[in-house]
């Protein structure tokens, strides 16, 4: 017996059911939750893990290596 489950996503912010079809804010349930998530990224509450990196010397335009300024 094969049981199929309906796709019922939940908003990652408030955990309420989110309408998927025709929802411009998906995966969020509303513009409010989408903006809360955006604010969390902007305030650096969310971070992508990774090691610290040193700046690449070739990116420094003030080095004058190519003879022009």
Protein backbone atom coordinates (compact mmCIF):
# COMPACT_ATOMS: atom_id res chain seq x y z
CA UNK A 1 0.00 0.00 0.00
CA UNK A 2 1.51 3.32 -1.12
CA UNK A 3 0.66 6.29 1.04
CA UNK A 4 1.19 9.71 -0.49
CA UNK A 5 1.48 12.74 1.71
CA UNK A 6 0.42 16.19 0.61
CA UNK A 7 3.16 18.78 0.49
CA UNK A 8 2.49 21.12 3.41
CA UNK A 9 5.44 23.41 4.04
CA UNK A 10 5.76 25.43 7.21
CA UNK A 11 7.12 28.94 7.48
CA UNK A 12 10.71 28.80 8.81
CA UNK A 13 10.06 31.83 11.04
CA UNK A 14 6.64 31.32 12.67
CA UNK A 15 6.12 27.61 11.80
CA UNK A 16 2.60 28.31 10.49
CA UNK A 17 1.47 26.55 7.30
CA UNK A 18 2.69 28.45 4.25
CA UNK A 19 0.78 28.56 0.98
CA UNK A 20 3.18 27.46 -1.75
CA UNK A 21 1.39 28.08 -5.04
CA UNK A 22 1.17 31.73 -6.00
CA UNK A 23 2.92 32.93 -2.83
CA UNK A 24 5.56 35.58 -3.70
CA UNK A 25 7.02 35.30 -0.18
CA UNK A 26 7.59 31.54 -0.15
CA UNK A 27 9.01 29.71 1.71
CA UNK A 28 7.67 32.22 4.23
CA UNK A 29 3.98 32.60 4.99
CA UNK A 30 3.97 36.38 4.63
CA UNK A 31 6.01 39.45 3.82
CA UNK A 32 6.39 40.04 7.58
CA UNK A 33 8.19 36.71 8.12
CA UNK A 34 10.29 37.26 5.00
CA UNK A 35 11.44 40.65 6.32
CA UNK A 36 12.19 39.20 9.76
CA UNK A 37 14.48 36.66 8.09
CA UNK A 38 16.13 39.35 5.95
CA UNK A 39 16.76 41.44 9.06
CA UNK A 40 18.38 38.48 10.79
CA UNK A 41 20.83 38.10 7.89
CA UNK A 42 21.49 41.87 7.81
CA UNK A 43 22.24 41.97 11.54
CA UNK A 44 24.51 38.93 11.16
CA UNK A 45 22.42 36.73 13.45
CA UNK A 46 22.79 34.05 10.79
CA UNK A 47 26.28 33.14 9.68
CA UNK A 48 27.70 30.73 7.18
CA UNK A 49 30.41 28.65 8.88
CA UNK A 50 33.91 28.90 7.54
CA UNK A 51 37.42 29.79 8.47
CA UNK A 52 38.79 33.31 8.45
CA UNK A 53 40.41 34.27 5.19
CA UNK A 54 43.19 36.70 4.50
CA UNK A 55 42.74 39.33 1.80
CA UNK A 56 44.19 38.37 -1.56
CA UNK A 57 47.15 40.60 -2.44
CA UNK A 58 46.10 40.64 -6.12
CA UNK A 59 42.86 42.42 -5.14
CA UNK A 60 44.74 45.43 -3.75
CA UNK A 61 44.51 48.20 -6.39
CA UNK A 62 46.84 50.54 -4.46
CA UNK A 63 49.87 48.23 -4.81
CA UNK A 64 50.98 49.89 -8.06
CA UNK A 65 52.24 46.57 -9.45
CA UNK A 66 50.98 47.33 -12.95
CA UNK A 67 52.67 50.76 -13.01
CA UNK A 68 49.45 52.81 -13.23
CA UNK A 69 47.53 54.68 -10.56
